[in-house]
């Protein structure tokens, strides 16, 4: 039987793979909006992977790192939106 920590590590690895796939959209995205959404997807997948690793290793420090990373990801979205609105790039 698979242990819970091994299963959590496997699911975290899947989310890292999903983030790597989303990096293609960051690179190729035809518009800046596509790229920002892809960066948010990568950030969200990273936060989920870190939270899963916190459960797998039973270490609360990983949750603190995930929380800070999630807040930075959110602030990046807000900053890009504000920059885009001020430039007149709203569709």
N, C-alpha and C. Protein backbone atom coordinates (compact mmCIF):
# COMPACT_ATOMS: atom_id res chain seq x y z
N UNK A 1 0.85 -1.18 0.00
CA UNK A 1 0.00 0.00 0.00
C UNK A 1 0.89 1.25 0.00
N UNK A 2 0.47 2.24 -0.73
CA UNK A 2 1.24 3.49 -0.82
C UNK A 2 1.01 4.32 0.43
N UNK A 3 2.08 4.85 0.97
CA UNK A 3 1.96 5.73 2.13
C UNK A 3 1.40 7.08 1.70
N UNK A 4 0.83 7.77 2.66
CA UNK A 4 0.24 9.07 2.36
C UNK A 4 1.29 10.07 1.90
N UNK A 5 2.44 10.08 2.54
CA UNK A 5 3.47 11.04 2.15
C UNK A 5 3.97 10.78 0.73
N UNK A 6 4.07 9.53 0.33
CA UNK A 6 4.49 9.21 -1.03
C UNK A 6 3.43 9.66 -2.04
N UNK A 7 2.17 9.46 -1.71
CA UNK A 7 1.09 9.90 -2.59
C UNK A 7 1.08 11.42 -2.72
N UNK A 8 1.28 12.13 -1.61
CA UNK A 8 1.31 13.59 -1.66
C UNK A 8 2.49 14.10 -2.48
N UNK A 9 3.62 13.43 -2.36
CA UNK A 9 4.78 13.82 -3.17
C UNK A 9 4.52 13.58 -4.66
N UNK A 10 3.83 12.49 -4.97
CA UNK A 10 3.50 12.21 -6.37
C UNK A 10 2.54 13.24 -6.95
N UNK A 11 1.54 13.62 -6.17
CA UNK A 11 0.59 14.64 -6.64
C UNK A 11 1.29 15.99 -6.77
N UNK A 12 2.20 16.30 -5.85
CA UNK A 12 2.97 17.54 -5.96
C UNK A 12 3.81 17.54 -7.23
N UNK A 13 4.38 16.40 -7.58
CA UNK A 13 5.16 16.29 -8.81
C UNK A 13 4.27 16.51 -10.04
N UNK A 14 3.03 16.03 -9.98
CA UNK A 14 2.10 16.29 -11.09
C UNK A 14 1.81 17.78 -11.25
N UNK A 15 1.63 18.46 -10.13
CA UNK A 15 1.37 19.90 -10.22
C UNK A 15 2.59 20.66 -10.74
N UNK A 16 3.77 20.19 -10.41
CA UNK A 16 4.98 20.80 -10.98
C UNK A 16 5.01 20.57 -12.48
N UNK A 17 4.62 19.40 -12.92
CA UNK A 17 4.55 19.12 -14.37
C UNK A 17 3.52 20.03 -15.05
N UNK A 18 2.38 20.23 -14.41
CA UNK A 18 1.38 21.14 -14.96
C UNK A 18 1.94 22.56 -15.07
N UNK A 19 2.71 22.98 -14.08
CA UNK A 19 3.31 24.31 -14.11
C UNK A 19 4.31 24.42 -15.26
N UNK A 20 5.06 23.37 -15.50
CA UNK A 20 6.03 23.38 -16.60
C UNK A 20 5.30 23.47 -17.94
N UNK A 21 4.19 22.78 -18.06
CA UNK A 21 3.40 22.86 -19.29
C UNK A 21 2.86 24.29 -19.47
N UNK A 22 2.45 24.92 -18.39
CA UNK A 22 1.92 26.28 -18.48
C UNK A 22 3.01 27.29 -18.85
N UNK A 23 4.26 26.95 -18.60
CA UNK A 23 5.36 27.85 -19.00
C UNK A 23 5.42 28.02 -20.51
N UNK A 24 4.92 27.04 -21.26
CA UNK A 24 4.86 27.18 -22.71
C UNK A 24 3.96 28.36 -23.09
N UNK A 25 2.84 28.52 -22.39
CA UNK A 25 1.94 29.63 -22.69
C UNK A 25 2.57 30.96 -22.28
N UNK A 26 3.40 30.94 -21.25
CA UNK A 26 4.11 32.17 -20.87
C UNK A 26 5.05 32.56 -22.00
N UNK A 27 5.70 31.59 -22.58
CA UNK A 27 6.66 31.86 -23.65
C UNK A 27 5.97 32.23 -24.96
N UNK A 28 4.91 31.51 -25.33
CA UNK A 28 4.28 31.69 -26.62
C UNK A 28 3.05 32.57 -26.63
N UNK A 29 2.48 32.86 -25.46
CA UNK A 29 1.21 33.56 -25.40
C UNK A 29 1.11 34.72 -26.37
N UNK A 30 0.09 34.74 -27.21
CA UNK A 30 0.04 35.79 -28.22
C UNK A 30 -0.18 37.19 -27.65
N UNK A 31 -0.82 37.28 -26.51
CA UNK A 31 -1.05 38.60 -25.92
C UNK A 31 -0.46 38.64 -24.51
N UNK A 32 -0.20 39.82 -24.01
CA UNK A 32 0.30 39.93 -22.63
C UNK A 32 -0.69 39.38 -21.61
N UNK A 33 -1.98 39.46 -21.92
CA UNK A 33 -2.98 38.94 -21.00
C UNK A 33 -2.87 37.42 -20.86
N UNK A 34 -2.63 36.74 -21.98
CA UNK A 34 -2.42 35.29 -21.93
C UNK A 34 -1.20 34.95 -21.08
N UNK A 35 -0.17 35.75 -21.22
CA UNK A 35 1.05 35.48 -20.45
C UNK A 35 0.83 35.69 -18.96
N UNK A 36 0.08 36.72 -18.60
CA UNK A 36 -0.18 36.97 -17.18
C UNK A 36 -1.01 35.86 -16.57
N UNK A 37 -2.02 35.41 -17.30
CA UNK A 37 -2.84 34.31 -16.80
C UNK A 37 -1.99 33.05 -16.65
N UNK A 38 -1.09 32.80 -17.60
CA UNK A 38 -0.22 31.63 -17.50
C UNK A 38 0.73 31.75 -16.32
N UNK A 39 1.24 32.93 -16.06
CA UNK A 39 2.10 33.13 -14.89
C UNK A 39 1.31 32.88 -13.61
N UNK A 40 0.05 33.30 -13.58
CA UNK A 40 -0.79 33.02 -12.41
C UNK A 40 -1.03 31.52 -12.25
N UNK A 41 -1.22 30.82 -13.35
CA UNK A 41 -1.41 29.37 -13.28
C UNK A 41 -0.15 28.70 -12.74
N UNK A 42 1.01 29.14 -13.22
CA UNK A 42 2.28 28.58 -12.73
C UNK A 42 2.42 28.87 -11.24
N UNK A 43 2.12 30.08 -10.83
CA UNK A 43 2.22 30.43 -9.41
C UNK A 43 1.25 29.63 -8.54
N UNK A 44 0.04 29.46 -9.02
CA UNK A 44 -0.95 28.70 -8.26
C UNK A 44 -0.54 27.23 -8.15
N UNK A 45 -0.07 26.66 -9.24
CA UNK A 45 0.40 25.27 -9.19
C UNK A 45 1.59 25.12 -8.25
N UNK A 46 2.45 26.11 -8.22
CA UNK A 46 3.60 26.05 -7.32
C UNK A 46 3.15 26.12 -5.86
N UNK A 47 2.18 26.98 -5.57
CA UNK A 47 1.66 27.08 -4.20
C UNK A 47 1.03 25.76 -3.78
N UNK A 48 0.27 25.15 -4.68
CA UNK A 48 -0.36 23.87 -4.36
C UNK A 48 0.70 22.80 -4.12
N UNK A 49 1.74 22.77 -4.96
CA UNK A 49 2.80 21.77 -4.79
C UNK A 49 3.53 21.97 -3.46
N UNK A 50 3.80 23.21 -3.09
CA UNK A 50 4.48 23.47 -1.82
C UNK A 50 3.59 23.07 -0.65
N UNK A 51 2.29 23.34 -0.75
CA UNK A 51 1.37 22.95 0.33
C UNK A 51 1.28 21.43 0.45
N UNK A 52 1.28 20.73 -0.69
CA UNK A 52 1.26 19.27 -0.65
C UNK A 52 2.54 18.71 -0.03
N UNK A 53 3.67 19.34 -0.34
CA UNK A 53 4.93 18.91 0.27
C UNK A 53 4.95 19.19 1.76
N UNK A 54 4.27 20.24 2.19
CA UNK A 54 4.16 20.51 3.63
C UNK A 54 3.44 19.38 4.32
N UNK A 55 2.41 18.86 3.69
CA UNK A 55 1.71 17.72 4.26
C UNK A 55 2.52 16.44 4.19
N UNK A 56 3.28 16.28 3.10
CA UNK A 56 4.06 15.06 2.94
C UNK A 56 5.20 14.99 3.94
N UNK A 57 5.87 16.11 4.17
CA UNK A 57 7.01 16.13 5.08
C UNK A 57 6.63 16.53 6.49
N UNK A 58 5.36 16.87 6.70
CA UNK A 58 4.85 17.29 8.01
C UNK A 58 5.68 18.45 8.57
N UNK A 59 5.86 19.47 7.73
CA UNK A 59 6.66 20.64 8.11
C UNK A 59 5.82 21.90 7.87
N UNK A 60 5.54 22.62 8.92
CA UNK A 60 4.69 23.81 8.82
C UNK A 60 5.39 24.97 8.12
N UNK A 61 6.71 24.95 8.07
CA UNK A 61 7.44 26.03 7.42
C UNK A 61 7.09 26.13 5.94
N UNK A 62 6.84 24.99 5.30
CA UNK A 62 6.46 25.00 3.89
C UNK A 62 5.14 25.75 3.67
N UNK A 63 4.24 25.66 4.63
CA UNK A 63 2.97 26.39 4.50
C UNK A 63 3.19 27.90 4.55
N UNK A 64 4.12 28.34 5.38
CA UNK A 64 4.45 29.76 5.43
C UNK A 64 5.02 30.24 4.10
N UNK A 65 5.89 29.42 3.53
CA UNK A 65 6.48 29.76 2.23
C UNK A 65 5.39 29.80 1.16
N UNK A 66 4.47 28.84 1.19
CA UNK A 66 3.38 28.81 0.21
C UNK A 66 2.49 30.04 0.34
N UNK A 67 2.22 30.44 1.57
CA UNK A 67 1.37 31.62 1.79
C UNK A 67 2.04 32.89 1.26
N UNK A 68 3.31 33.06 1.53
CA UNK A 68 4.03 34.24 1.03
C UNK A 68 4.08 34.22 -0.49
N UNK A 69 4.32 33.06 -1.07
CA UNK A 69 4.37 32.95 -2.53
C UNK A 69 3.01 33.26 -3.14
N UNK A 70 1.94 32.81 -2.50
CA UNK A 70 0.59 33.10 -3.01
C UNK A 70 0.31 34.60 -2.96
N UNK A 71 0.72 35.26 -1.89
CA UNK A 71 0.51 36.71 -1.79
C UNK A 71 1.32 37.46 -2.86
N UNK A 72 2.55 37.03 -3.10
CA UNK A 72 3.35 37.66 -4.15
C UNK A 72 2.74 37.44 -5.53
N UNK A 73 2.20 36.27 -5.75
CA UNK A 73 1.54 35.97 -7.02
C UNK A 73 0.33 36.88 -7.22
N UNK A 74 -0.44 37.07 -6.16
CA UNK A 74 -1.60 37.95 -6.23
C UNK A 74 -1.17 39.40 -6.49
N UNK A 75 -0.14 39.86 -5.79
CA UNK A 75 0.33 41.23 -5.98
C UNK A 75 0.86 41.45 -7.40
N UNK A 76 1.47 40.43 -7.97
CA UNK A 76 1.93 40.54 -9.36
C UNK A 76 0.76 40.76 -10.31
N UNK A 77 -0.32 40.05 -10.08
CA UNK A 77 -1.51 40.22 -10.93
C UNK A 77 -2.09 41.61 -10.80
N UNK A 78 -2.19 42.09 -9.58
CA UNK A 78 -2.72 43.44 -9.35
C UNK A 78 -1.81 44.49 -9.98
N UNK A 79 -0.50 44.32 -9.82
CA UNK A 79 0.44 45.30 -10.39
C UNK A 79 0.35 45.32 -11.91
N UNK A 80 0.25 44.17 -12.54
CA UNK A 80 0.14 44.14 -13.99
C UNK A 80 -1.17 44.78 -14.45
N UNK A 81 -2.24 44.49 -13.75
CA UNK A 81 -3.53 45.06 -14.12
C UNK A 81 -3.51 46.58 -14.00
N UNK A 82 -2.93 47.08 -12.93
CA UNK A 82 -2.85 48.54 -12.74
C UNK A 82 -1.97 49.17 -13.82
N UNK A 83 -0.85 48.53 -14.12
CA UNK A 83 0.03 49.04 -15.18
C UNK A 83 -0.67 49.03 -16.52
N UNK A 84 -1.42 47.99 -16.80
CA UNK A 84 -2.10 47.87 -18.09
C UNK A 84 -3.23 48.89 -18.22
N UNK A 85 -3.94 49.15 -17.15
CA UNK A 85 -5.03 50.13 -17.19
C UNK A 85 -4.47 51.52 -17.39
N UNK A 86 -3.36 51.83 -16.73
CA UNK A 86 -2.77 53.17 -16.87
C UNK A 86 -2.21 53.40 -18.26
N UNK A 87 -1.76 52.35 -18.92
CA UNK A 87 -1.27 52.47 -20.29
C UNK A 87 -2.39 52.52 -21.31
N UNK A 88 -3.60 52.26 -20.89
CA UNK A 88 -4.72 52.26 -21.82
C UNK A 88 -4.88 50.96 -22.56
N UNK A 89 -4.40 49.88 -22.00
CA UNK A 89 -4.44 48.60 -22.68
C UNK A 89 -5.66 47.75 -22.34
N UNK A 90 -6.68 48.35 -21.76
CA UNK A 90 -7.86 47.59 -21.39
C UNK A 90 -8.70 47.38 -22.64
N UNK A 91 -9.13 46.16 -22.85
CA UNK A 91 -9.94 45.86 -24.04
C UNK A 91 -11.38 46.18 -23.81
